Amino acid sequence: MGDARYCVKRILCKYGYPPDQQEKATQTVIQQAEVLSEAWAAT
């Protein structure tokens, strides 16, 4: 999970996402990935 979080933060930084909003955005992306992976695993 740490690698995914690191990658998300790098991408946000690369595209100029505001630093004060990066933690919330990272959490959102990780949550979305978990939901998608559960859906894919169920099929």
Protein backbone atom coordinates (compact mmCIF):
# COMPACT_ATOMS: atom_id res chain seq x y z
CA MET A 1 0.00 0.00 0.00
CA GLY A 2 2.88 2.35 0.69
CA ASP A 3 4.13 2.11 -2.88
CA ALA A 4 0.70 3.02 -4.24
CA ARG A 5 0.45 6.01 -1.89
CA TYR A 6 3.90 7.18 -2.98
CA CYS A 7 2.99 6.89 -6.67
CA VAL A 8 -0.25 8.82 -6.19
CA LYS A 9 1.57 11.63 -4.35
CA ARG A 10 4.21 11.85 -7.09
CA ILE A 11 1.55 12.08 -9.79
CA LEU A 12 -0.33 14.78 -7.87
CA CYS A 13 2.87 16.76 -7.43
CA LYS A 14 3.84 16.31 -11.09
CA TYR A 15 0.57 17.82 -12.26
CA GLY A 16 0.59 20.72 -9.82
CA TYR A 17 -2.03 19.54 -7.32
CA PRO A 18 -2.06 21.89 -4.29
CA PRO A 19 0.12 20.43 -1.49
CA ASP A 20 -2.45 21.21 1.21
CA GLN A 21 -5.03 19.02 -0.56
CA GLN A 22 -2.77 16.11 -1.52
CA GLU A 23 -3.44 13.95 1.55
CA LYS A 24 -7.21 14.00 1.05
CA ALA A 25 -6.81 13.32 -2.70
CA THR A 26 -4.44 10.44 -1.97
CA GLN A 27 -6.92 8.87 0.43
CA THR A 28 -9.69 9.23 -2.13
CA VAL A 29 -7.66 7.56 -4.88
CA ILE A 30 -6.66 4.68 -2.57
CA GLN A 31 -10.31 4.16 -1.54
CA GLN A 32 -11.42 4.14 -5.17
CA ALA A 33 -8.72 1.61 -6.04
CA GLU A 34 -9.86 -0.65 -3.19
CA VAL A 35 -13.48 -0.54 -4.39
CA LEU A 36 -12.44 -1.30 -7.97
CA SER A 37 -10.18 -4.16 -6.93
CA GLU A 38 -13.01 -5.72 -4.90
CA ALA A 39 -15.33 -5.42 -7.90
CA TRP A 40 -12.76 -6.96 -10.23
CA ALA A 41 -12.06 -9.79 -7.80
CA ALA A 42 -15.77 -10.60 -7.61
CA THR A 43 -16.12 -11.09 -11.37
